[in-house]
Amino acid sequence: MLPGDSRSLKTKRSYVRPIIAALRKFEVSVAEVGALDRHGRTEIGVAVVAPDAGHVTEVLDACERLVAGRPEVDLLSVRRRLHGDDE
């Protein structure tokens, strides 16, 4: 959840853009994927491809810590889905 003062979508984007830029340092694909028209809320999707699940977990853990550590947001939930060769 974004700060209560994000009463316009323009203000909301000013919070979301730096978060997305910071996540890209982990060499992941990242985008705002949901709640696009809601003030004070956003959903950010992160995707990573690696040869082993352990590395994927490390990268996603680092991304989660980065977002959770941002003082201007409240991280409300995290969902993960891993896909392997058999899918």
N, C-alpha and C. Protein backbone atom coordinates (compact mmCIF):
# COMPACT_ATOMS: atom_id res chain seq x y z
N MET A 1 0.84 -1.17 0.00
CA MET A 1 0.00 0.00 0.00
C MET A 1 0.88 1.23 0.00
N LEU A 2 0.52 2.19 -0.79
CA LEU A 2 1.27 3.43 -0.90
C LEU A 2 0.76 4.44 0.11
N PRO A 3 1.51 5.48 0.36
CA PRO A 3 1.08 6.48 1.34
C PRO A 3 -0.28 7.07 1.01
N GLY A 4 -0.97 7.50 2.05
CA GLY A 4 -2.30 8.05 1.89
C GLY A 4 -2.33 9.32 1.06
N ASP A 5 -1.19 9.99 0.93
CA ASP A 5 -1.20 11.23 0.16
C ASP A 5 -1.12 10.99 -1.35
N SER A 6 -1.11 9.73 -1.77
CA SER A 6 -1.08 9.46 -3.21
C SER A 6 -2.52 9.49 -3.74
N ARG A 7 -3.08 10.69 -3.76
CA ARG A 7 -4.48 10.89 -4.13
C ARG A 7 -4.67 11.01 -5.64
N SER A 8 -3.60 11.06 -6.37
CA SER A 8 -3.71 11.10 -7.83
C SER A 8 -2.85 9.98 -8.40
N LEU A 9 -3.20 9.56 -9.59
CA LEU A 9 -2.41 8.51 -10.24
C LEU A 9 -1.01 9.00 -10.56
N LYS A 10 -0.87 10.29 -10.83
CA LYS A 10 0.45 10.86 -11.08
C LYS A 10 1.34 10.75 -9.84
N THR A 11 0.78 11.04 -8.68
CA THR A 11 1.53 10.92 -7.43
C THR A 11 1.88 9.46 -7.17
N LYS A 12 0.92 8.58 -7.43
CA LYS A 12 1.15 7.15 -7.25
C LYS A 12 2.33 6.69 -8.09
N ARG A 13 2.37 7.11 -9.35
CA ARG A 13 3.47 6.72 -10.25
C ARG A 13 4.81 7.22 -9.73
N SER A 14 4.80 8.37 -9.05
CA SER A 14 6.06 8.92 -8.53
C SER A 14 6.62 8.04 -7.42
N TYR A 15 5.78 7.24 -6.78
CA TYR A 15 6.25 6.27 -5.79
C TYR A 15 6.65 4.95 -6.45
N VAL A 16 5.88 4.54 -7.45
CA VAL A 16 6.07 3.22 -8.07
C VAL A 16 7.32 3.19 -8.95
N ARG A 17 7.56 4.23 -9.74
CA ARG A 17 8.70 4.25 -10.67
C ARG A 17 10.04 3.99 -9.99
N PRO A 18 10.35 4.64 -8.87
CA PRO A 18 11.65 4.37 -8.23
C PRO A 18 11.76 2.94 -7.68
N ILE A 19 10.64 2.38 -7.24
CA ILE A 19 10.67 1.00 -6.74
C ILE A 19 10.99 0.05 -7.88
N ILE A 20 10.34 0.24 -9.02
CA ILE A 20 10.59 -0.61 -10.18
C ILE A 20 12.04 -0.46 -10.64
N ALA A 21 12.54 0.76 -10.66
CA ALA A 21 13.94 0.99 -11.06
C ALA A 21 14.90 0.29 -10.10
N ALA A 22 14.62 0.34 -8.82
CA ALA A 22 15.49 -0.31 -7.83
C ALA A 22 15.46 -1.83 -7.98
N LEU A 23 14.30 -2.39 -8.30
CA LEU A 23 14.20 -3.85 -8.49
C LEU A 23 14.98 -4.31 -9.70
N ARG A 24 15.08 -3.48 -10.71
CA ARG A 24 15.79 -3.87 -11.94
C ARG A 24 17.28 -4.12 -11.71
N LYS A 25 17.83 -3.62 -10.61
CA LYS A 25 19.25 -3.87 -10.33
C LYS A 25 19.51 -5.36 -10.08
N PHE A 26 18.45 -6.12 -9.79
CA PHE A 26 18.59 -7.57 -9.59
C PHE A 26 18.48 -8.33 -10.91
N GLU A 27 18.44 -7.60 -12.02
CA GLU A 27 18.34 -8.19 -13.36
C GLU A 27 17.11 -9.08 -13.50
N VAL A 28 15.99 -8.55 -13.08
CA VAL A 28 14.71 -9.23 -13.20
C VAL A 28 13.82 -8.43 -14.15
N SER A 29 12.79 -9.07 -14.63
CA SER A 29 11.74 -8.36 -15.35
C SER A 29 10.74 -7.89 -14.31
N VAL A 30 10.36 -6.63 -14.38
CA VAL A 30 9.47 -6.07 -13.37
C VAL A 30 8.55 -5.05 -14.01
N ALA A 31 7.28 -5.05 -13.54
CA ALA A 31 6.31 -4.10 -14.07
C ALA A 31 5.17 -3.95 -13.08
N GLU A 32 4.49 -2.83 -13.16
CA GLU A 32 3.26 -2.65 -12.41
C GLU A 32 2.19 -3.45 -13.15
N VAL A 33 1.57 -4.41 -12.49
CA VAL A 33 0.68 -5.34 -13.18
C VAL A 33 -0.76 -5.30 -12.71
N GLY A 34 -1.04 -4.58 -11.65
CA GLY A 34 -2.41 -4.56 -11.16
C GLY A 34 -2.70 -3.30 -10.37
N ALA A 35 -3.98 -3.09 -10.11
CA ALA A 35 -4.47 -1.91 -9.39
C ALA A 35 -3.99 -0.63 -10.08
N LEU A 36 -3.97 -0.66 -11.40
CA LEU A 36 -3.43 0.45 -12.17
C LEU A 36 -4.24 1.73 -11.99
N ASP A 37 -5.52 1.60 -11.74
CA ASP A 37 -6.37 2.79 -11.63
C ASP A 37 -6.80 3.08 -10.20
N ARG A 38 -6.17 2.42 -9.23
CA ARG A 38 -6.53 2.62 -7.82
C ARG A 38 -5.49 3.49 -7.13
N HIS A 39 -5.94 4.51 -6.48
CA HIS A 39 -5.06 5.38 -5.72
C HIS A 39 -4.61 4.66 -4.45
N GLY A 40 -3.35 4.78 -4.11
CA GLY A 40 -2.85 4.22 -2.86
C GLY A 40 -2.56 2.73 -2.88
N ARG A 41 -2.78 2.06 -4.00
CA ARG A 41 -2.49 0.62 -4.11
C ARG A 41 -1.80 0.36 -5.43
N THR A 42 -0.97 -0.68 -5.42
CA THR A 42 -0.36 -1.14 -6.66
C THR A 42 -0.01 -2.61 -6.53
N GLU A 43 0.13 -3.27 -7.64
CA GLU A 43 0.66 -4.63 -7.70
C GLU A 43 1.84 -4.59 -8.63
N ILE A 44 2.95 -5.12 -8.16
CA ILE A 44 4.17 -5.15 -8.95
C ILE A 44 4.54 -6.60 -9.19
N GLY A 45 4.73 -6.96 -10.44
CA GLY A 45 5.13 -8.32 -10.81
C GLY A 45 6.61 -8.37 -11.09
N VAL A 46 7.25 -9.43 -10.60
CA VAL A 46 8.69 -9.64 -10.81
C VAL A 46 8.86 -11.04 -11.38
N ALA A 47 9.66 -11.16 -12.43
CA ALA A 47 9.94 -12.47 -13.03
C ALA A 47 11.43 -12.64 -13.17
N VAL A 48 11.88 -13.87 -12.88
CA VAL A 48 13.30 -14.19 -13.01
C VAL A 48 13.42 -15.60 -13.58
N VAL A 49 14.42 -15.79 -14.41
CA VAL A 49 14.70 -17.10 -14.99
C VAL A 49 16.11 -17.49 -14.58
N ALA A 50 16.26 -18.71 -14.07
CA ALA A 50 17.57 -19.20 -13.65
C ALA A 50 17.59 -20.72 -13.78
N PRO A 51 18.79 -21.29 -13.85
CA PRO A 51 18.90 -22.73 -14.05
C PRO A 51 18.50 -23.56 -12.82
N ASP A 52 18.45 -22.93 -11.64
CA ASP A 52 18.05 -23.70 -10.46
C ASP A 52 17.13 -22.87 -9.57
N ALA A 53 16.24 -23.57 -8.89
CA ALA A 53 15.23 -22.92 -8.05
C ALA A 53 15.86 -22.16 -6.89
N GLY A 54 17.00 -22.61 -6.41
CA GLY A 54 17.67 -21.93 -5.30
C GLY A 54 18.05 -20.50 -5.65
N HIS A 55 18.56 -20.32 -6.85
CA HIS A 55 18.94 -18.97 -7.29
C HIS A 55 17.70 -18.09 -7.46
N VAL A 56 16.64 -18.65 -8.01
CA VAL A 56 15.39 -17.90 -8.18
C VAL A 56 14.89 -17.44 -6.81
N THR A 57 14.92 -18.33 -5.83
CA THR A 57 14.47 -17.98 -4.49
C THR A 57 15.32 -16.87 -3.89
N GLU A 58 16.63 -16.94 -4.06
CA GLU A 58 17.52 -15.89 -3.54
C GLU A 58 17.19 -14.53 -4.15
N VAL A 59 17.00 -14.50 -5.45
CA VAL A 59 16.71 -13.24 -6.13
C VAL A 59 15.36 -12.69 -5.68
N LEU A 60 14.35 -13.55 -5.62
CA LEU A 60 13.03 -13.09 -5.20
C LEU A 60 13.03 -12.64 -3.74
N ASP A 61 13.79 -13.32 -2.89
CA ASP A 61 13.92 -12.89 -1.49
C ASP A 61 14.53 -11.49 -1.42
N ALA A 62 15.55 -11.24 -2.22
CA ALA A 62 16.19 -9.92 -2.24
C ALA A 62 15.22 -8.85 -2.73
N CYS A 63 14.44 -9.17 -3.74
CA CYS A 63 13.44 -8.22 -4.24
C CYS A 63 12.40 -7.91 -3.18
N GLU A 64 11.95 -8.95 -2.49
CA GLU A 64 10.96 -8.75 -1.44
C GLU A 64 11.52 -7.89 -0.31
N ARG A 65 12.76 -8.15 0.09
CA ARG A 65 13.38 -7.33 1.15
C ARG A 65 13.49 -5.87 0.73
N LEU A 66 13.83 -5.64 -0.54
CA LEU A 66 13.95 -4.27 -1.02
C LEU A 66 12.61 -3.53 -0.89
N VAL A 67 11.55 -4.16 -1.36
CA VAL A 67 10.24 -3.51 -1.30
C VAL A 67 9.77 -3.35 0.14
N ALA A 68 9.94 -4.39 0.95
CA ALA A 68 9.51 -4.32 2.35
C ALA A 68 10.28 -3.26 3.12
N GLY A 69 11.50 -2.99 2.71
CA GLY A 69 12.34 -2.02 3.41
C GLY A 69 12.08 -0.58 3.01
N ARG A 70 11.24 -0.36 2.03
CA ARG A 70 10.92 1.01 1.61
C ARG A 70 9.99 1.64 2.63
N PRO A 71 10.39 2.74 3.24
CA PRO A 71 9.56 3.34 4.29
C PRO A 71 8.25 3.93 3.77
N GLU A 72 8.17 4.21 2.48
CA GLU A 72 6.97 4.86 1.96
C GLU A 72 5.87 3.88 1.58
N VAL A 73 6.12 2.57 1.71
CA VAL A 73 5.09 1.59 1.34
C VAL A 73 4.88 0.58 2.46
N ASP A 74 3.70 0.00 2.44
CA ASP A 74 3.39 -1.15 3.31
C ASP A 74 3.20 -2.34 2.39
N LEU A 75 4.03 -3.36 2.55
CA LEU A 75 3.92 -4.57 1.75
C LEU A 75 2.81 -5.41 2.36
N LEU A 76 1.71 -5.58 1.62
CA LEU A 76 0.54 -6.27 2.16
C LEU A 76 0.57 -7.77 1.91
N SER A 77 1.09 -8.20 0.77
CA SER A 77 1.14 -9.63 0.51
C SER A 77 2.16 -9.92 -0.59
N VAL A 78 2.58 -11.17 -0.62
CA VAL A 78 3.53 -11.66 -1.62
C VAL A 78 3.02 -13.01 -2.09
N ARG A 79 3.02 -13.21 -3.39
CA ARG A 79 2.68 -14.51 -3.95
C ARG A 79 3.80 -14.93 -4.87
N ARG A 80 4.16 -16.20 -4.78
CA ARG A 80 5.22 -16.74 -5.65
C ARG A 80 4.71 -17.97 -6.36
N ARG A 81 5.18 -18.11 -7.59
CA ARG A 81 4.87 -19.30 -8.37
C ARG A 81 6.11 -19.70 -9.11
N LEU A 82 6.61 -20.90 -8.87
CA LEU A 82 7.79 -21.40 -9.57
C LEU A 82 7.35 -22.40 -10.63
N HIS A 83 7.95 -22.28 -11.79
CA HIS A 83 7.66 -23.20 -12.90
C HIS A 83 8.94 -23.93 -13.25
N GLY A 84 8.85 -25.21 -13.47
CA GLY A 84 10.00 -26.02 -13.83
C GLY A 84 9.92 -26.54 -15.24
N ASP A 85 10.84 -27.40 -15.58
CA ASP A 85 10.91 -27.97 -16.94
C ASP A 85 9.66 -28.76 -17.30
N ASP A 86 9.01 -29.34 -16.31
CA ASP A 86 7.88 -30.21 -16.56
C ASP A 86 6.58 -29.44 -16.84
N GLU A 87 6.64 -28.11 -16.81
CA GLU A 87 5.41 -27.33 -17.05
C GLU A 87 5.42 -26.66 -18.39
